[in-house]
Amino acid sequence: MVPHILVTGGAGYIGSHTVRVLLQEGFAVTVLDDLSTGHLDAIPEGARAAIGDLRDAAFVARTLAERPVSGVLHFAGAIQVGESTREPLAYWDRNVHASRVLLLAMRDADVQHIVFSSTAAVYGTPERTPIPEGAEKRPESPYGETKWAVEQMLAAASRAHGLRYAALRYFNAAGADPGLGERHHPETHLIPLAIDAALGRIGPLTVFGTDWPTPDGTCIRDYVHVHDLARAHVLALSHLQRSGENLAANLGAGVGTSVQEVLREVERATGRPVPHAVGPRRAGDPERLVADIARARTVLGFVPEHGLARIVDDAVASRVEARA
């Protein structure tokens, strides 16, 4: 029997890329999404769509009962740090309550494996980089707090009910595969904003501080291609289904890139300057966030295949394609 996977949030950016990889690997896929931030046309052909709210317990139970599910990839949730600060209760509802509903339905349907979309925001401002998984968890926003809360809920469900889980802590997802792309409203990520600024679709980009204690004075982040992230989820699912242990693992490139370096890559890829202005540092912005990916490499065999140039080239192609 072909393994059947439920993907929550599979109409979103990372979720849709992962659905495509799952289908290519021979899995059957049902996407559960309320389309509040996802897009119906982003669900790859061949996947079944179950459109509804993850907080609707009866709907989730019906979806799990319609065909046997061997594992869940859980991407659904709210992801904007600033919005989470303004609307914290909404984030506890959409990220934590919804995850609780899902875990209860999985328990009742005897679905034992889940791969959870977590975040480097669980660490807050780190004491050192690269950041290992054992670093102290000091989230600085309701977004990070709710993701850490779900990780703790997974651990509790594992102890009580035998759930097997992998929590994958993303750093900066970027890039795109053909026919898929990044469609956030509003867009808050540096690479698509820089591309849109270069193409004249938005006004000048703001660079938040050029006086950081880094080589060029701008913040450093770890950018990982969305296709590499998608592959990592399939590796994590296979790890669980081989009776692997519960896992929390960072997903990044393991390499830091400054804001100025990103702008130069966008200028190379578009052949145009990136209009930008320098603003003050943002409160709470760490100077440097880079992943220690040794655990994912050792346990999952995860090796990022796409560097920054490929990330930017693919992101440019995706945004040009989307406007064609």
Protein backbone atom coordinates (compact mmCIF):
# COMPACT_ATOMS: atom_id res chain seq x y z
CA MET A 1 0.00 0.00 0.00
CA VAL A 2 1.26 3.47 -0.89
CA PRO A 3 1.95 5.44 2.33
CA HIS A 4 -0.57 8.25 2.76
CA ILE A 5 0.59 11.50 4.39
CA LEU A 6 -1.53 14.34 5.75
CA VAL A 7 0.09 17.73 5.22
CA THR A 8 -1.41 20.61 7.21
CA GLY A 9 -0.69 23.98 5.63
CA GLY A 10 0.23 22.25 2.37
CA ALA A 11 -1.08 25.17 0.31
CA GLY A 12 1.54 27.48 1.82
CA TYR A 13 5.10 28.26 0.82
CA ILE A 14 7.16 25.50 2.45
CA GLY A 15 4.22 23.11 2.66
CA SER A 16 3.51 23.14 -1.08
CA HIS A 17 7.16 22.51 -1.91
CA THR A 18 7.18 19.56 0.47
CA VAL A 19 3.97 18.14 -1.00
CA ARG A 20 5.64 18.13 -4.42
CA VAL A 21 8.67 16.26 -3.06
CA LEU A 22 6.41 13.74 -1.29
CA LEU A 23 4.52 13.06 -4.53
CA GLN A 24 7.78 12.67 -6.42
CA GLU A 25 8.90 10.15 -3.80
CA GLY A 26 5.78 8.06 -4.35
CA PHE A 27 3.66 9.06 -1.33
CA ALA A 28 -0.07 9.74 -1.50
CA VAL A 29 -0.88 13.14 -0.01
CA THR A 30 -3.87 14.93 1.46
CA VAL A 31 -3.44 18.66 2.06
CA LEU A 32 -5.45 20.13 4.94
CA ASP A 33 -5.52 23.91 4.66
CA ASP A 34 -7.98 26.72 5.40
CA LEU A 35 -6.42 28.93 2.68
CA SER A 36 -6.15 31.86 5.10
CA THR A 37 -2.56 32.35 3.98
CA GLY A 38 -2.14 29.49 1.51
CA HIS A 39 -3.30 29.29 -2.10
CA LEU A 40 -5.41 26.58 -3.70
CA ASP A 41 -3.41 26.80 -6.93
CA ALA A 42 -0.19 26.13 -4.99
CA ILE A 43 -1.30 22.58 -4.10
CA PRO A 44 0.63 20.35 -6.51
CA GLU A 45 -1.33 18.23 -8.94
CA GLY A 46 -1.87 14.75 -7.58
CA ALA A 47 -2.52 15.80 -3.99
CA ARG A 48 -6.01 15.64 -2.52
CA ALA A 49 -7.27 18.88 -0.96
CA ALA A 50 -9.28 18.98 2.27
CA ILE A 51 -10.20 22.64 2.75
CA GLY A 52 -11.15 23.52 6.31
CA ASP A 53 -10.03 24.80 9.68
CA LEU A 54 -7.51 22.78 11.68
CA ARG A 55 -9.26 23.98 14.84
CA ASP A 56 -12.45 22.16 13.75
CA ALA A 57 -12.07 18.86 15.60
CA ALA A 58 -14.87 17.09 13.70
CA PHE A 59 -13.42 18.14 10.34
CA VAL A 60 -9.93 16.96 11.28
CA ALA A 61 -11.28 13.64 12.57
CA ARG A 62 -13.23 13.09 9.32
CA THR A 63 -10.17 13.90 7.24
CA LEU A 64 -8.05 11.38 9.13
CA ALA A 65 -10.80 8.75 8.87
CA GLU A 66 -11.35 9.03 5.12
CA ARG A 67 -8.24 7.00 4.33
CA PRO A 68 -5.50 5.47 6.50
CA VAL A 69 -2.78 8.03 7.30
CA SER A 70 0.73 6.84 8.11
CA GLY A 71 2.16 10.22 9.09
CA VAL A 72 1.50 13.95 9.41
CA LEU A 73 3.62 16.90 8.31
CA HIS A 74 2.40 19.91 10.29
CA PHE A 75 3.11 23.26 8.62
CA ALA A 76 -0.15 25.08 9.40
CA GLY A 77 0.20 28.14 11.62
CA ALA A 78 0.78 31.87 11.81
CA ILE A 79 4.36 33.04 11.28
CA GLN A 80 4.75 36.83 11.48
CA VAL A 81 6.78 37.97 14.47
CA GLY A 82 5.45 41.54 14.49
CA GLU A 83 1.84 40.47 14.11
CA SER A 84 2.27 37.97 16.96
CA THR A 85 3.30 40.82 19.25
CA ARG A 86 0.19 42.80 18.34
CA GLU A 87 -2.18 39.79 18.38
CA PRO A 88 -0.70 37.26 20.82
CA LEU A 89 -3.96 35.48 21.63
CA ALA A 90 -4.57 34.82 17.95
CA TYR A 91 -1.16 33.12 17.77
CA TRP A 92 -1.87 30.94 20.77
CA ASP A 93 -5.14 29.97 19.09
CA ARG A 94 -3.78 29.32 15.59
CA ASN A 95 -0.49 27.71 16.61
CA VAL A 96 -1.07 26.00 19.96
CA HIS A 97 -4.81 25.30 20.13
CA ALA A 98 -4.88 24.09 16.52
CA SER A 99 -1.93 21.78 17.20
CA ARG A 100 -3.71 20.38 20.24
CA VAL A 101 -6.77 19.58 18.12
CA LEU A 102 -4.54 17.84 15.58
CA LEU A 103 -2.72 15.77 18.21
CA LEU A 104 -5.98 14.65 19.81
CA ALA A 105 -7.31 13.58 16.42
CA MET A 106 -4.07 11.73 15.67
CA ARG A 107 -4.28 9.94 19.02
CA ASP A 108 -7.86 8.87 18.37
CA ALA A 109 -7.00 7.69 14.83
CA ASP A 110 -3.83 5.91 16.03
CA VAL A 111 -1.52 8.01 13.82
CA GLN A 112 1.88 7.84 15.50
CA HIS A 113 4.27 9.99 13.43
CA ILE A 114 4.41 13.78 13.03
CA VAL A 115 7.00 16.18 11.64
CA PHE A 116 6.47 19.68 13.01
CA SER A 117 7.41 22.97 11.38
CA SER A 118 9.21 24.83 14.18
CA THR A 119 11.56 27.80 14.09
CA ALA A 120 14.89 29.21 15.19
CA ALA A 121 12.81 31.84 17.02
CA VAL A 122 12.58 29.39 19.93
CA TYR A 123 16.16 30.39 20.81
CA GLY A 124 15.72 34.15 20.95
CA THR A 125 19.01 36.05 20.98
CA PRO A 126 21.68 33.35 21.26
CA GLU A 127 24.74 33.49 23.47
CA ARG A 128 26.85 32.08 20.64
CA THR A 129 26.64 31.00 17.01
CA PRO A 130 26.37 28.63 15.28
CA ILE A 131 23.37 27.76 17.47
CA PRO A 132 23.11 24.14 18.66
CA GLU A 133 19.79 22.52 19.48
CA GLY A 134 20.72 22.40 23.17
CA ALA A 135 20.97 26.20 23.41
CA GLU A 136 18.69 27.80 26.00
CA LYS A 137 15.17 28.46 24.73
CA ARG A 138 14.42 32.17 25.22
CA PRO A 139 11.82 33.12 22.59
CA GLU A 140 11.28 36.86 22.35
CA SER A 141 7.88 36.97 20.62
CA PRO A 142 4.55 35.17 20.92
CA TYR A 143 5.40 33.53 17.59
CA GLY A 144 8.51 31.91 19.08
CA GLU A 145 6.74 31.20 22.37
CA THR A 146 3.91 29.36 20.65
CA LYS A 147 6.25 27.26 18.52
CA TRP A 148 8.21 26.26 21.63
CA ALA A 149 4.95 25.47 23.40
CA VAL A 150 3.98 23.08 20.60
CA GLU A 151 7.37 21.38 20.84
CA GLN A 152 6.75 20.86 24.56
CA MET A 153 3.26 19.53 23.80
CA LEU A 154 4.75 17.03 21.35
CA ALA A 155 7.17 15.81 24.00
CA ALA A 156 4.35 15.40 26.52
CA ALA A 157 2.20 13.49 24.01
CA SER A 158 5.15 11.26 23.26
CA ARG A 159 5.62 10.40 26.92
CA ALA A 160 1.91 9.80 27.51
CA HIS A 161 0.75 8.24 24.24
CA GLY A 162 3.83 7.00 22.39
CA LEU A 163 3.73 9.70 19.70
CA ARG A 164 6.90 9.85 17.59
CA TYR A 165 7.88 13.32 16.44
CA ALA A 166 10.50 15.45 14.75
CA ALA A 167 10.57 19.21 15.41
CA LEU A 168 12.47 20.96 12.64
CA ARG A 169 13.68 24.44 13.56
CA TYR A 170 13.96 26.54 10.41
CA PHE A 171 16.31 29.42 10.02
CA ASN A 172 15.60 31.59 6.91
CA ALA A 173 13.70 29.75 4.19
CA ALA A 174 14.16 31.28 0.76
CA GLY A 175 14.15 30.49 -2.97
CA ALA A 176 11.54 28.56 -4.95
CA ASP A 177 11.02 25.59 -7.22
CA PRO A 178 9.54 26.08 -10.73
CA GLY A 179 5.82 26.83 -10.61
CA LEU A 180 5.88 27.46 -6.88
CA GLY A 181 6.93 30.55 -5.00
CA GLU A 182 6.71 32.78 -1.98
CA ARG A 183 3.37 34.60 -1.69
CA HIS A 184 3.06 36.15 1.73
CA HIS A 185 0.69 39.05 2.34
CA PRO A 186 2.24 41.20 3.58
CA GLU A 187 5.70 40.08 2.53
CA THR A 188 8.27 40.51 5.32
CA HIS A 189 11.23 38.43 4.10
CA LEU A 190 14.40 40.13 2.88
CA ILE A 191 15.07 38.31 -0.39
CA PRO A 192 11.63 38.77 -2.04
CA LEU A 193 11.48 42.35 -0.78
CA ALA A 194 14.91 43.10 -2.24
CA ILE A 195 13.90 41.54 -5.56
CA ASP A 196 10.69 43.57 -5.69
CA ALA A 197 12.63 46.74 -4.87
CA ALA A 198 15.12 46.02 -7.66
CA LEU A 199 12.29 45.38 -10.13
CA GLY A 200 10.56 48.62 -9.14
CA ARG A 201 7.50 46.92 -7.70
CA ILE A 202 7.90 48.51 -4.28
CA GLY A 203 9.74 51.53 -2.94
CA PRO A 204 13.23 51.49 -1.48
CA LEU A 205 14.08 48.72 0.94
CA THR A 206 15.03 49.66 4.50
CA VAL A 207 18.26 48.19 5.87
CA PHE A 208 17.93 48.17 9.63
CA GLY A 209 21.34 49.32 10.79
CA THR A 210 24.76 49.35 9.17
CA ASP A 211 26.68 49.69 12.43
CA TRP A 212 26.46 46.11 13.68
CA PRO A 213 29.71 44.42 14.83
CA THR A 214 29.87 42.34 11.63
CA PRO A 215 32.32 42.55 8.69
CA ASP A 216 30.13 44.92 6.64
CA GLY A 217 28.03 46.36 9.48
CA THR A 218 24.77 44.58 8.58
CA CYS A 219 23.03 41.67 10.29
CA ILE A 220 23.95 38.10 9.40
CA ARG A 221 21.40 35.35 8.82
CA ASP A 222 21.37 31.74 7.63
CA TYR A 223 19.45 31.26 4.36
CA VAL A 224 18.36 27.77 3.27
CA HIS A 225 16.67 26.88 0.00
CA VAL A 226 13.04 25.83 0.39
CA HIS A 227 13.70 22.70 -1.68
CA ASP A 228 16.38 21.64 0.80
CA LEU A 229 13.87 22.20 3.61
CA ALA A 230 11.27 20.14 1.79
CA ARG A 231 13.70 17.24 1.37
CA ALA A 232 14.56 17.45 5.07
CA HIS A 233 10.92 16.86 6.01
CA VAL A 234 10.79 13.70 3.93
CA LEU A 235 14.05 12.55 5.52
CA ALA A 236 12.60 13.25 8.98
CA LEU A 237 9.42 11.32 8.18
CA SER A 238 11.47 8.37 6.94
CA HIS A 239 13.56 8.55 10.12
CA LEU A 240 10.44 8.23 12.27
CA GLN A 241 8.98 5.45 10.16
CA ARG A 242 12.23 3.50 10.55
CA SER A 243 11.61 3.60 14.32
CA GLY A 244 14.02 6.46 14.79
CA GLU A 245 14.05 8.39 18.05
CA ASN A 246 12.21 11.66 18.59
CA LEU A 247 14.22 14.51 17.15
CA ALA A 248 14.65 18.27 17.39
CA ALA A 249 16.94 19.53 14.65
CA ASN A 250 18.01 22.83 13.14
CA LEU A 251 17.56 23.33 9.40
CA GLY A 252 19.70 25.93 7.74
CA ALA A 253 22.69 26.15 5.46
CA GLY A 254 25.07 26.38 8.39
CA VAL A 255 26.55 29.51 6.77
CA GLY A 256 25.94 33.16 7.62
CA THR A 257 25.14 35.79 4.99
CA SER A 258 24.89 39.52 5.64
CA VAL A 259 22.14 41.83 4.42
CA GLN A 260 24.64 43.58 2.15
CA GLU A 261 25.69 40.24 0.65
CA VAL A 262 22.05 39.44 -0.10
CA LEU A 263 21.58 42.79 -1.82
CA ARG A 264 24.66 42.19 -3.99
CA GLU A 265 23.33 38.78 -5.04
CA VAL A 266 19.96 40.29 -5.93
CA GLU A 267 21.69 42.99 -7.97
CA ARG A 268 23.68 40.31 -9.81
CA ALA A 269 20.62 38.18 -10.50
CA THR A 270 18.35 41.03 -11.64
CA GLY A 271 21.01 43.18 -13.31
CA ARG A 272 19.59 46.15 -11.42
CA PRO A 273 20.50 48.04 -8.25
CA VAL A 274 18.44 47.46 -5.13
CA PRO A 275 17.15 50.88 -3.99
CA HIS A 276 17.48 51.04 -0.24
CA ALA A 277 17.71 53.40 2.69
CA VAL A 278 19.43 52.89 6.03
CA GLY A 279 17.19 52.89 9.07
CA PRO A 280 17.91 52.43 12.77
CA ARG A 281 18.46 49.02 14.26
CA ARG A 282 15.26 47.18 15.14
CA ALA A 283 14.81 46.37 18.79
CA GLY A 284 15.40 42.69 19.45
CA ASP A 285 17.29 42.03 16.21
CA PRO A 286 20.27 39.75 16.94
CA GLU A 287 23.42 40.65 15.03
CA ARG A 288 24.04 37.06 13.90
CA LEU A 289 21.83 33.93 13.61
CA VAL A 290 23.47 30.87 12.08
CA ALA A 291 22.44 27.23 12.51
CA ASP A 292 24.56 24.40 13.76
CA ILE A 293 23.20 21.68 11.42
CA ALA A 294 25.40 18.81 12.61
CA ARG A 295 22.47 16.90 14.11
CA ALA A 296 20.37 17.03 10.95
CA ARG A 297 23.40 16.04 8.90
CA THR A 298 24.26 13.10 11.18
CA VAL A 299 20.79 11.76 12.00
CA LEU A 300 18.89 12.54 8.80
CA GLY A 301 21.64 12.73 6.20
CA PHE A 302 20.58 16.31 5.49
CA VAL A 303 23.02 18.17 3.22
CA PRO A 304 21.94 21.56 1.82
CA GLU A 305 22.50 21.45 -1.93
CA HIS A 306 21.67 25.03 -2.93
CA GLY A 307 23.81 28.03 -2.03
CA LEU A 308 22.86 31.70 -1.90
CA ALA A 309 23.34 32.33 -5.63
CA ARG A 310 20.92 29.52 -6.51
CA ILE A 311 18.46 30.68 -3.84
CA VAL A 312 18.39 34.20 -5.28
CA ASP A 313 18.30 33.05 -8.92
CA ASP A 314 15.32 30.79 -8.19
CA ALA A 315 13.54 33.48 -6.16
CA VAL A 316 13.97 36.00 -9.01
CA ALA A 317 12.66 33.50 -11.57
CA SER A 318 9.67 32.75 -9.36
CA ARG A 319 8.71 36.38 -8.88
CA VAL A 320 9.11 37.20 -12.56
CA GLU A 321 7.05 34.12 -13.45
CA ALA A 322 4.31 35.13 -11.00
CA ARG A 323 3.91 38.51 -12.74
CA ALA A 324 4.08 37.14 -16.29
